[in-house]
């Protein structure tokens, strides 16, 4: 099905976090900043909390060292301004 739609499947080697370091880092941050500090009532509560963490906190408030200590939203706006003059 992936090939039919022009996608190429890619998986890292088992037990090798370096193959997908960005995703491993992201999920490690979510676990340490959200998951390990909350008690969720069920799947919907868990999904809501993760959505809010990513959309409200991670993208709009949490500064990232790899983005020059800007939030992803600030960085995106800076890039759009630079491209659009």
PDB file of N, CA and C in Angstrom:
ATOM      1  N   UNK A   1       0.817  -1.188   0.000  1.00  0.00           N
ATOM      2  CA  UNK A   1       0.000   0.000   0.000  1.00  0.00           C
ATOM      3  C   UNK A   1       0.869   1.264   0.000  1.00  0.00           C
ATOM      4  N   UNK A   2       1.953   1.263   0.764  1.00  0.00           N
ATOM      5  CA  UNK A   2       2.832   2.429   0.771  1.00  0.00           C
ATOM      6  C   UNK A   2       3.406   2.690  -0.614  1.00  0.00           C
ATOM      7  N   UNK A   3       3.896   1.638  -1.254  1.00  0.00           N
ATOM      8  CA  UNK A   3       4.463   1.783  -2.596  1.00  0.00           C
ATOM      9  C   UNK A   3       3.437   2.316  -3.584  1.00  0.00           C
ATOM     10  N   UNK A   4       2.202   1.868  -3.462  1.00  0.00           N
ATOM     11  CA  UNK A   4       1.129   2.298  -4.359  1.00  0.00           C
ATOM     12  C   UNK A   4       0.948   3.812  -4.329  1.00  0.00           C
ATOM     13  N   UNK A   5       1.184   4.415  -3.166  1.00  0.00           N
ATOM     14  CA  UNK A   5       0.998   5.857  -3.007  1.00  0.00           C
ATOM     15  C   UNK A   5       2.314   6.633  -3.037  1.00  0.00           C
ATOM     16  N   UNK A   6       3.388   5.958  -3.421  1.00  0.00           N
ATOM     17  CA  UNK A   6       4.661   6.644  -3.586  1.00  0.00           C
ATOM     18  C   UNK A   6       5.469   6.836  -2.316  1.00  0.00           C
ATOM     19  N   UNK A   7       5.136   6.113  -1.252  1.00  0.00           N
ATOM     20  CA  UNK A   7       5.878   6.225   0.000  1.00  0.00           C
ATOM     21  C   UNK A   7       6.917   5.122   0.090  1.00  0.00           C
ATOM     22  N   UNK A   8       8.016   5.411   0.759  1.00  0.00           N
ATOM     23  CA  UNK A   8       9.048   4.420   1.003  1.00  0.00           C
ATOM     24  C   UNK A   8       9.086   4.157   2.500  1.00  0.00           C
ATOM     25  N   UNK A   9       8.881   2.908   2.889  1.00  0.00           N
ATOM     26  CA  UNK A   9       8.888   2.552   4.296  1.00  0.00           C
ATOM     27  C   UNK A   9      10.318   2.565   4.819  1.00  0.00           C
ATOM     28  N   UNK A  10      10.492   3.109   6.011  1.00  0.00           N
ATOM     29  CA  UNK A  10      11.813   3.170   6.612  1.00  0.00           C
ATOM     30  C   UNK A  10      11.710   2.849   8.093  1.00  0.00           C
ATOM     31  N   UNK A  11      12.473   1.880   8.526  1.00  0.00           N
ATOM     32  CA  UNK A  11      12.507   1.535   9.946  1.00  0.00           C
ATOM     33  C   UNK A  11      13.959   1.418  10.367  1.00  0.00           C
ATOM     34  N   UNK A  12      14.218   1.825  11.584  1.00  0.00           N
ATOM     35  CA  UNK A  12      15.575   1.696  12.090  1.00  0.00           C
ATOM     36  C   UNK A  12      15.835   0.261  12.521  1.00  0.00           C
ATOM     37  N   UNK A  13      17.076  -0.020  12.761  1.00  0.00           N
ATOM     38  CA  UNK A  13      17.446  -1.348  13.227  1.00  0.00           C
ATOM     39  C   UNK A  13      16.988  -1.530  14.665  1.00  0.00           C
ATOM     40  N   UNK A  14      16.595  -2.703  15.020  1.00  0.00           N
ATOM     41  CA  UNK A  14      16.112  -3.010  16.358  1.00  0.00           C
ATOM     42  C   UNK A  14      17.172  -2.649  17.397  1.00  0.00           C
ATOM     43  N   UNK A  15      16.749  -1.873  18.401  1.00  0.00           N
ATOM     44  CA  UNK A  15      17.637  -1.524  19.499  1.00  0.00           C
ATOM     45  C   UNK A  15      18.672  -0.467  19.185  1.00  0.00           C
ATOM     46  N   UNK A  16      18.554   0.231  18.059  1.00  0.00           N
ATOM     47  CA  UNK A  16      19.529   1.251  17.703  1.00  0.00           C
ATOM     48  C   UNK A  16      18.850   2.613  17.627  1.00  0.00           C
ATOM     49  N   UNK A  17      18.878   3.339  18.739  1.00  0.00           N
ATOM     50  CA  UNK A  17      18.197   4.637  18.799  1.00  0.00           C
ATOM     51  C   UNK A  17      18.853   5.678  17.903  1.00  0.00           C
ATOM     52  N   UNK A  18      20.110   5.470  17.513  1.00  0.00           N
ATOM     53  CA  UNK A  18      20.798   6.454  16.688  1.00  0.00           C
ATOM     54  C   UNK A  18      20.233   6.514  15.274  1.00  0.00           C
ATOM     55  N   UNK A  19      19.546   5.478  14.847  1.00  0.00           N
ATOM     56  CA  UNK A  19      18.949   5.480  13.514  1.00  0.00           C
ATOM     57  C   UNK A  19      17.843   6.522  13.387  1.00  0.00           C
ATOM     58  N   UNK A  20      17.216   6.877  14.480  1.00  0.00           N
ATOM     59  CA  UNK A  20      16.122   7.841  14.452  1.00  0.00           C
ATOM     60  C   UNK A  20      16.221   8.739  15.682  1.00  0.00           C
ATOM     61  N   UNK A  21      17.344   9.409  15.822  1.00  0.00           N
ATOM     62  CA  UNK A  21      17.646  10.178  17.021  1.00  0.00           C
ATOM     63  C   UNK A  21      16.646  11.297  17.289  1.00  0.00           C
ATOM     64  N   UNK A  22      16.155  11.951  16.256  1.00  0.00           N
ATOM     65  CA  UNK A  22      15.213  13.060  16.455  1.00  0.00           C
ATOM     66  C   UNK A  22      13.922  12.560  17.090  1.00  0.00           C
ATOM     67  N   UNK A  23      13.367  11.487  16.560  1.00  0.00           N
ATOM     68  CA  UNK A  23      12.133  10.926  17.120  1.00  0.00           C
ATOM     69  C   UNK A  23      12.367  10.381  18.520  1.00  0.00           C
ATOM     70  N   UNK A  24      13.491   9.712  18.737  1.00  0.00           N
ATOM     71  CA  UNK A  24      13.802   9.178  20.064  1.00  0.00           C
ATOM     72  C   UNK A  24      13.906  10.310  21.075  1.00  0.00           C
ATOM     73  N   UNK A  25      14.541  11.397  20.706  1.00  0.00           N
ATOM     74  CA  UNK A  25      14.671  12.551  21.591  1.00  0.00           C
ATOM     75  C   UNK A  25      13.306  13.150  21.906  1.00  0.00           C
ATOM     76  N   UNK A  26      12.482  13.332  20.879  1.00  0.00           N
ATOM     77  CA  UNK A  26      11.146  13.907  21.052  1.00  0.00           C
ATOM     78  C   UNK A  26      10.309  13.077  22.018  1.00  0.00           C
ATOM     79  N   UNK A  27      10.263  11.763  21.808  1.00  0.00           N
ATOM     80  CA  UNK A  27       9.451  10.917  22.678  1.00  0.00           C
ATOM     81  C   UNK A  27      10.039  10.835  24.080  1.00  0.00           C
ATOM     82  N   UNK A  28      11.356  10.915  24.214  1.00  0.00           N
ATOM     83  CA  UNK A  28      11.975  10.960  25.537  1.00  0.00           C
ATOM     84  C   UNK A  28      11.575  12.207  26.294  1.00  0.00           C
ATOM     85  N   UNK A  29      11.508  13.340  25.601  1.00  0.00           N
ATOM     86  CA  UNK A  29      11.095  14.600  26.217  1.00  0.00           C
ATOM     87  C   UNK A  29       9.641  14.521  26.661  1.00  0.00           C
ATOM     88  N   UNK A  30       8.764  14.011  25.807  1.00  0.00           N
ATOM     89  CA  UNK A  30       7.349  13.872  26.178  1.00  0.00           C
ATOM     90  C   UNK A  30       7.205  12.983  27.411  1.00  0.00           C
ATOM     91  N   UNK A  31       7.940  11.886  27.435  1.00  0.00           N
ATOM     92  CA  UNK A  31       7.855  10.984  28.588  1.00  0.00           C
ATOM     93  C   UNK A  31       8.312  11.676  29.864  1.00  0.00           C
ATOM     94  N   UNK A  32       9.439  12.372  29.809  1.00  0.00           N
ATOM     95  CA  UNK A  32       9.971  12.984  31.025  1.00  0.00           C
ATOM     96  C   UNK A  32       9.193  14.220  31.462  1.00  0.00           C
ATOM     97  N   UNK A  33       8.634  14.984  30.527  1.00  0.00           N
ATOM     98  CA  UNK A  33       7.937  16.216  30.881  1.00  0.00           C
ATOM     99  C   UNK A  33       6.437  16.047  31.067  1.00  0.00           C
ATOM    100  N   UNK A  34       5.854  14.972  30.542  1.00  0.00           N
ATOM    101  CA  UNK A  34       4.400  14.807  30.629  1.00  0.00           C
ATOM    102  C   UNK A  34       3.989  13.449  31.180  1.00  0.00           C
ATOM    103  N   UNK A  35       4.320  12.409  30.488  1.00  0.00           N
ATOM    104  CA  UNK A  35       3.790  11.076  30.785  1.00  0.00           C
ATOM    105  C   UNK A  35       4.110  10.621  32.203  1.00  0.00           C
ATOM    106  N   UNK A  36       5.356  10.787  32.638  1.00  0.00           N
ATOM    107  CA  UNK A  36       5.756  10.287  33.955  1.00  0.00           C
ATOM    108  C   UNK A  36       5.197  11.118  35.111  1.00  0.00           C
ATOM    109  N   UNK A  37       4.567  12.252  34.818  1.00  0.00           N
ATOM    110  CA  UNK A  37       4.046  13.129  35.869  1.00  0.00           C
ATOM    111  C   UNK A  37       2.525  13.162  35.920  1.00  0.00           C
ATOM    112  N   UNK A  38       1.869  12.398  35.092  1.00  0.00           N
ATOM    113  CA  UNK A  38       0.406  12.445  34.996  1.00  0.00           C
ATOM    114  C   UNK A  38      -0.214  11.081  35.262  1.00  0.00           C
ATOM    115  N   UNK A  39      -1.459  11.119  35.686  1.00  0.00           N
ATOM    116  CA  UNK A  39      -2.281   9.910  35.762  1.00  0.00           C
ATOM    117  C   UNK A  39      -3.455  10.145  34.834  1.00  0.00           C
ATOM    118  N   UNK A  40      -3.554   9.356  33.811  1.00  0.00           N
ATOM    119  CA  UNK A  40      -4.596   9.534  32.814  1.00  0.00           C
ATOM    120  C   UNK A  40      -5.788   8.644  33.136  1.00  0.00           C
ATOM    121  N   UNK A  41      -6.986   9.173  32.862  1.00  0.00           N
ATOM    122  CA  UNK A  41      -8.228   8.446  33.159  1.00  0.00           C
ATOM    123  C   UNK A  41      -8.555   7.401  32.104  1.00  0.00           C
ATOM    124  N   UNK A  42      -8.043   7.575  30.916  1.00  0.00           N
ATOM    125  CA  UNK A  42      -8.331   6.641  29.830  1.00  0.00           C
ATOM    126  C   UNK A  42      -7.667   7.099  28.553  1.00  0.00           C
ATOM    127  N   UNK A  43      -7.907   6.385  27.459  1.00  0.00           N
ATOM    128  CA  UNK A  43      -7.264   6.716  26.183  1.00  0.00           C
ATOM    129  C   UNK A  43      -7.572   8.132  25.687  1.00  0.00           C
ATOM    130  N   UNK A  44      -8.823   8.562  25.791  1.00  0.00           N
ATOM    131  CA  UNK A  44      -9.181   9.906  25.313  1.00  0.00           C
ATOM    132  C   UNK A  44      -8.480  10.988  26.127  1.00  0.00           C
ATOM    133  N   UNK A  45      -8.394  10.794  27.437  1.00  0.00           N
ATOM    134  CA  UNK A  45      -7.700  11.737  28.315  1.00  0.00           C
ATOM    135  C   UNK A  45      -6.212  11.783  27.959  1.00  0.00           C
ATOM    136  N   UNK A  46      -5.644  10.634  27.668  1.00  0.00           N
ATOM    137  CA  UNK A  46      -4.233  10.551  27.291  1.00  0.00           C
ATOM    138  C   UNK A  46      -3.984  11.279  25.973  1.00  0.00           C
ATOM    139  N   UNK A  47      -4.821  11.027  24.972  1.00  0.00           N
ATOM    140  CA  UNK A  47      -4.673  11.695  23.674  1.00  0.00           C
ATOM    141  C   UNK A  47      -4.831  13.202  23.797  1.00  0.00           C
ATOM    142  N   UNK A  48      -5.813  13.650  24.589  1.00  0.00           N
ATOM    143  CA  UNK A  48      -6.018  15.084  24.796  1.00  0.00           C
ATOM    144  C   UNK A  48      -4.796  15.722  25.434  1.00  0.00           C
ATOM    145  N   UNK A  49      -4.244  15.081  26.461  1.00  0.00           N
ATOM    146  CA  UNK A  49      -3.078  15.626  27.154  1.00  0.00           C
ATOM    147  C   UNK A  49      -1.868  15.711  26.229  1.00  0.00           C
ATOM    148  N   UNK A  50      -1.649  14.685  25.433  1.00  0.00           N
ATOM    149  CA  UNK A  50      -0.518  14.693  24.499  1.00  0.00           C
ATOM    150  C   UNK A  50      -0.716  15.762  23.431  1.00  0.00           C
ATOM    151  N   UNK A  51      -1.936  15.875  22.896  1.00  0.00           N
ATOM    152  CA  UNK A  51      -2.229  16.905  21.897  1.00  0.00           C
ATOM    153  C   UNK A  51      -1.967  18.299  22.469  1.00  0.00           C
ATOM    154  N   UNK A  52      -2.483  18.562  23.670  1.00  0.00           N
ATOM    155  CA  UNK A  52      -2.290  19.874  24.293  1.00  0.00           C
ATOM    156  C   UNK A  52      -0.814  20.138  24.586  1.00  0.00           C
ATOM    157  N   UNK A  53      -0.101  19.124  25.036  1.00  0.00           N
ATOM    158  CA  UNK A  53       1.327  19.287  25.316  1.00  0.00           C
ATOM    159  C   UNK A  53       2.065  19.707  24.045  1.00  0.00           C
ATOM    160  N   UNK A  54       1.801  19.013  22.949  1.00  0.00           N
ATOM    161  CA  UNK A  54       2.510  19.311  21.702  1.00  0.00           C
ATOM    162  C   UNK A  54       2.076  20.655  21.124  1.00  0.00           C
ATOM    163  N   UNK A  55       0.765  20.852  20.964  1.00  0.00           N
ATOM    164  CA  UNK A  55       0.262  22.045  20.278  1.00  0.00           C
ATOM    165  C   UNK A  55       0.364  23.322  21.109  1.00  0.00           C
ATOM    166  N   UNK A  56       0.163  23.236  22.405  1.00  0.00           N
ATOM    167  CA  UNK A  56       0.171  24.443  23.236  1.00  0.00           C
ATOM    168  C   UNK A  56       1.539  24.703  23.853  1.00  0.00           C
ATOM    169  N   UNK A  57       2.140  23.672  24.434  1.00  0.00           N
ATOM    170  CA  UNK A  57       3.405  23.896  25.135  1.00  0.00           C
ATOM    171  C   UNK A  57       4.628  23.691  24.231  1.00  0.00           C
ATOM    172  N   UNK A  58       4.772  22.506  23.672  1.00  0.00           N
ATOM    173  CA  UNK A  58       5.995  22.154  22.940  1.00  0.00           C
ATOM    174  C   UNK A  58       6.221  23.072  21.735  1.00  0.00           C
ATOM    175  N   UNK A  59       5.197  23.339  20.952  1.00  0.00           N
ATOM    176  CA  UNK A  59       5.355  24.150  19.741  1.00  0.00           C
ATOM    177  C   UNK A  59       5.312  25.651  19.985  1.00  0.00           C
ATOM    178  N   UNK A  60       4.630  26.101  21.043  1.00  0.00           N
ATOM    179  CA  UNK A  60       4.418  27.546  21.226  1.00  0.00           C
ATOM    180  C   UNK A  60       5.167  28.162  22.396  1.00  0.00           C
ATOM    181  N   UNK A  61       5.567  27.347  23.384  1.00  0.00           N
ATOM    182  CA  UNK A  61       6.189  27.911  24.584  1.00  0.00           C
ATOM    183  C   UNK A  61       7.579  27.361  24.888  1.00  0.00           C
ATOM    184  N   UNK A  62       7.844  26.100  24.557  1.00  0.00           N
ATOM    185  CA  UNK A  62       9.111  25.461  24.917  1.00  0.00           C
ATOM    186  C   UNK A  62      10.197  25.869  23.934  1.00  0.00           C
ATOM    187  N   UNK A  63      11.243  26.503  24.451  1.00  0.00           N
ATOM    188  CA  UNK A  63      12.352  26.928  23.601  1.00  0.00           C
ATOM    189  C   UNK A  63      13.267  25.738  23.320  1.00  0.00           C
ATOM    190  N   UNK A  64      13.776  25.671  22.090  1.00  0.00           N
ATOM    191  CA  UNK A  64      14.596  24.550  21.645  1.00  0.00           C
ATOM    192  C   UNK A  64      16.005  25.040  21.318  1.00  0.00           C
ATOM    193  N   UNK A  65      16.997  24.404  21.899  1.00  0.00           N
ATOM    194  CA  UNK A  65      18.378  24.835  21.669  1.00  0.00           C
ATOM    195  C   UNK A  65      18.769  24.728  20.194  1.00  0.00           C
ATOM    196  N   UNK A  66      18.268  23.703  19.504  1.00  0.00           N
ATOM    197  CA  UNK A  66      18.625  23.534  18.090  1.00  0.00           C
ATOM    198  C   UNK A  66      17.980  24.583  17.185  1.00  0.00           C
ATOM    199  N   UNK A  67      17.024  25.332  17.716  1.00  0.00           N
ATOM    200  CA  UNK A  67      16.366  26.398  16.947  1.00  0.00           C
ATOM    201  C   UNK A  67      16.819  27.773  17.433  1.00  0.00           C
ATOM    202  N   UNK A  68      17.979  27.832  18.058  1.00  0.00           N
ATOM    203  CA  UNK A  68      18.483  29.106  18.556  1.00  0.00           C
ATOM    204  C   UNK A  68      17.693  29.613  19.744  1.00  0.00           C
ATOM    205  N   UNK A  69      17.211  28.714  20.561  1.00  0.00           N
ATOM    206  CA  UNK A  69      16.400  29.017  21.751  1.00  0.00           C
ATOM    207  C   UNK A  69      15.132  29.794  21.407  1.00  0.00           C
ATOM    208  N   UNK A  70      14.542  29.414  20.282  1.00  0.00           N
ATOM    209  CA  UNK A  70      13.220  29.908  19.896  1.00  0.00           C
ATOM    210  C   UNK A  70      12.249  28.743  20.007  1.00  0.00           C
ATOM    211  N   UNK A  71      10.970  29.058  20.091  1.00  0.00           N
ATOM    212  CA  UNK A  71       9.965  28.003  20.025  1.00  0.00           C
ATOM    213  C   UNK A  71       9.829  27.587  18.560  1.00  0.00           C
ATOM    214  N   UNK A  72       9.299  26.397  18.289  1.00  0.00           N
ATOM    215  CA  UNK A  72       9.081  26.025  16.890  1.00  0.00           C
ATOM    216  C   UNK A  72       8.194  27.030  16.155  1.00  0.00           C
ATOM    217  N   UNK A  73       7.197  27.574  16.827  1.00  0.00           N
ATOM    218  CA  UNK A  73       6.315  28.562  16.190  1.00  0.00           C
ATOM    219  C   UNK A  73       7.091  29.830  15.834  1.00  0.00           C
ATOM    220  N   UNK A  74       7.953  30.304  16.746  1.00  0.00           N
ATOM    221  CA  UNK A  74       8.768  31.486  16.460  1.00  0.00           C
ATOM    222  C   UNK A  74       9.739  31.219  15.311  1.00  0.00           C
ATOM    223  N   UNK A  75      10.357  30.045  15.338  1.00  0.00           N
ATOM    224  CA  UNK A  75      11.311  29.680  14.292  1.00  0.00           C
ATOM    225  C   UNK A  75      10.626  29.616  12.933  1.00  0.00           C
ATOM    226  N   UNK A  76       9.448  29.005  12.893  1.00  0.00           N
ATOM    227  CA  UNK A  76       8.700  28.914  11.642  1.00  0.00           C
ATOM    228  C   UNK A  76       8.358  30.306  11.118  1.00  0.00           C
ATOM    229  N   UNK A  77       7.927  31.191  12.001  1.00  0.00           N
ATOM    230  CA  UNK A  77       7.585  32.551  11.581  1.00  0.00           C
ATOM    231  C   UNK A  77       8.816  33.278  11.041  1.00  0.00           C
ATOM    232  N   UNK A  78       9.956  33.096  11.699  1.00  0.00           N
ATOM    233  CA  UNK A  78      11.205  33.700  11.232  1.00  0.00           C
ATOM    234  C   UNK A  78      11.561  33.200   9.836  1.00  0.00           C
ATOM    235  N   UNK A  79      11.416  31.899   9.613  1.00  0.00           N
ATOM    236  CA  UNK A  79      11.728  31.321   8.303  1.00  0.00           C
ATOM    237  C   UNK A  79      10.767  31.826   7.234  1.00  0.00           C
ATOM    238  N   UNK A  80       9.487  31.927   7.569  1.00  0.00           N
ATOM    239  CA  UNK A  80       8.510  32.438   6.600  1.00  0.00           C
ATOM    240  C   UNK A  80       8.826  33.879   6.233  1.00  0.00           C
ATOM    241  N   UNK A  81       9.191  34.684   7.225  1.00  0.00           N
ATOM    242  CA  UNK A  81       9.520  36.087   6.973  1.00  0.00           C
ATOM    243  C   UNK A  81      10.756  36.207   6.092  1.00  0.00           C
ATOM    244  N   UNK A  82      11.740  35.353   6.321  1.00  0.00           N
ATOM    245  CA  UNK A  82      12.977  35.397   5.544  1.00  0.00           C
ATOM    246  C   UNK A  82      12.731  34.999   4.093  1.00  0.00           C
ATOM    247  N   UNK A  83      11.839  34.058   3.867  1.00  0.00           N
ATOM    248  CA  UNK A  83      11.551  33.579   2.515  1.00  0.00           C
ATOM    249  C   UNK A  83      10.642  34.544   1.771  1.00  0.00           C
ATOM    250  N   UNK A  84       9.692  35.138   2.477  1.00  0.00           N
ATOM    251  CA  UNK A  84       8.693  36.000   1.827  1.00  0.00           C
ATOM    252  C   UNK A  84       9.112  37.456   1.724  1.00  0.00           C
ATOM    253  N   UNK A  85      10.255  37.821   2.314  1.00  0.00           N
ATOM    254  CA  UNK A  85      10.758  39.200   2.351  1.00  0.00           C
ATOM    255  C   UNK A  85       9.678  40.123   2.823  1.00  0.00           C
TER     256      UNK A  85
END
